[in-house]
Amino acid sequence: MLGPGSYEGDRELKHNEASRGDRLHVYEYDLSLPAQEAYEETYDISGGKNVIDLSGFGNSILSLKLDEADLRARIIVDLLQ
């Protein structure tokens, strides 16, 4: 799992050179009280290059998880553009 982060500006996840298809889960957390469950959005990842725009999540805290670990994948998270 990639660690959570909270950042301003454009955010983008670049899942480069995926060796196979997979599913990415993006969890968005709200720190307001009372505590609520994380909002989840899923994206299908195909073999090859994938770019997922995360700017729609605003300044929320996010965590990311792949269904199946891809040890040969190269993943870049671009937080500021």
Protein backbone atom coordinates (compact mmCIF):
# COMPACT_ATOMS: atom_id res chain seq x y z
CA MET A 1 0.00 0.00 0.00
CA LEU A 2 1.23 3.50 -0.74
CA GLY A 3 1.19 5.79 2.28
CA PRO A 4 -1.42 8.49 2.88
CA GLY A 5 -0.70 12.13 2.10
CA SER A 6 -2.40 15.51 2.15
CA TYR A 7 -1.16 18.06 -0.38
CA GLU A 8 -2.27 21.16 -2.26
CA GLY A 9 -2.12 21.51 -6.02
CA ASP A 10 -2.62 19.07 -8.88
CA ARG A 11 -2.12 15.43 -8.01
CA GLU A 12 -1.64 12.58 -10.38
CA LEU A 13 -0.80 8.90 -10.08
CA LYS A 14 1.27 7.55 -12.95
CA HIS A 15 1.27 3.76 -12.96
CA ASN A 16 3.96 3.23 -15.58
CA GLU A 17 4.98 -0.08 -17.05
CA ALA A 18 2.38 -2.28 -15.36
CA SER A 19 3.14 -5.88 -16.25
CA ARG A 20 -0.51 -6.91 -16.09
CA GLY A 21 -4.02 -5.63 -15.41
CA ASP A 22 -5.07 -4.85 -11.85
CA ARG A 23 -7.50 -2.75 -9.84
CA LEU A 24 -6.48 0.34 -7.85
CA HIS A 25 -8.47 1.40 -4.78
CA VAL A 26 -8.24 5.05 -3.71
CA TYR A 27 -9.53 5.79 -0.22
CA GLU A 28 -10.37 9.37 0.79
CA TYR A 29 -10.48 10.24 4.49
CA ASP A 30 -12.27 13.11 6.20
CA LEU A 31 -10.93 14.14 9.60
CA SER A 32 -14.20 15.71 10.78
CA LEU A 33 -16.04 14.47 13.84
CA PRO A 34 -17.83 12.17 14.26
CA ALA A 35 -15.52 9.78 12.41
CA GLN A 36 -16.85 8.41 9.14
CA GLU A 37 -15.86 5.57 6.86
CA ALA A 38 -13.45 6.37 4.04
CA TYR A 39 -14.91 7.10 0.61
CA GLU A 40 -13.60 4.53 -1.90
CA GLU A 41 -13.15 4.91 -5.63
CA THR A 42 -11.73 2.14 -7.84
CA TYR A 43 -9.86 2.30 -11.13
CA ASP A 44 -9.02 -0.50 -13.55
CA ILE A 45 -5.32 -0.66 -14.41
CA SER A 46 -4.33 -2.19 -17.74
CA GLY A 47 -0.96 -3.59 -18.69
CA GLY A 48 1.33 -0.77 -19.85
CA LYS A 49 1.09 2.92 -18.98
CA ASN A 50 -1.79 4.32 -16.89
CA VAL A 51 -2.33 7.90 -15.67
CA ILE A 52 -4.99 8.61 -13.04
CA ASP A 53 -5.96 12.19 -12.18
CA LEU A 54 -6.28 12.59 -8.40
CA SER A 55 -7.02 16.34 -8.42
CA GLY A 56 -10.74 15.67 -7.90
CA PHE A 57 -9.99 14.59 -4.35
CA GLY A 58 -8.97 18.14 -3.40
CA ASN A 59 -6.88 18.44 -0.25
CA SER A 60 -8.11 15.22 1.34
CA ILE A 61 -5.96 12.54 2.90
CA LEU A 62 -5.67 9.60 0.50
CA SER A 63 -4.40 6.05 0.64
CA LEU A 64 -3.90 3.78 -2.37
CA LYS A 65 -4.00 0.01 -2.67
CA LEU A 66 -3.63 -2.45 -5.55
CA ASP A 67 -5.59 -5.72 -5.46
CA GLU A 68 -2.48 -7.66 -6.43
CA ALA A 69 1.06 -6.45 -5.76
CA ASP A 70 2.99 -5.90 -8.99
CA LEU A 71 6.65 -6.05 -8.00
CA ARG A 72 7.79 -5.19 -11.54
CA ALA A 73 5.59 -2.11 -11.86
CA ARG A 74 6.99 1.40 -11.73
CA ILE A 75 4.62 3.77 -9.92
CA ILE A 76 5.08 7.54 -9.72
CA VAL A 77 2.87 9.77 -7.58
CA ASP A 78 3.12 13.40 -8.78
CA LEU A 79 1.82 15.65 -6.00
CA LEU A 80 2.74 19.09 -7.28
CA GLN A 81 2.72 20.30 -10.86
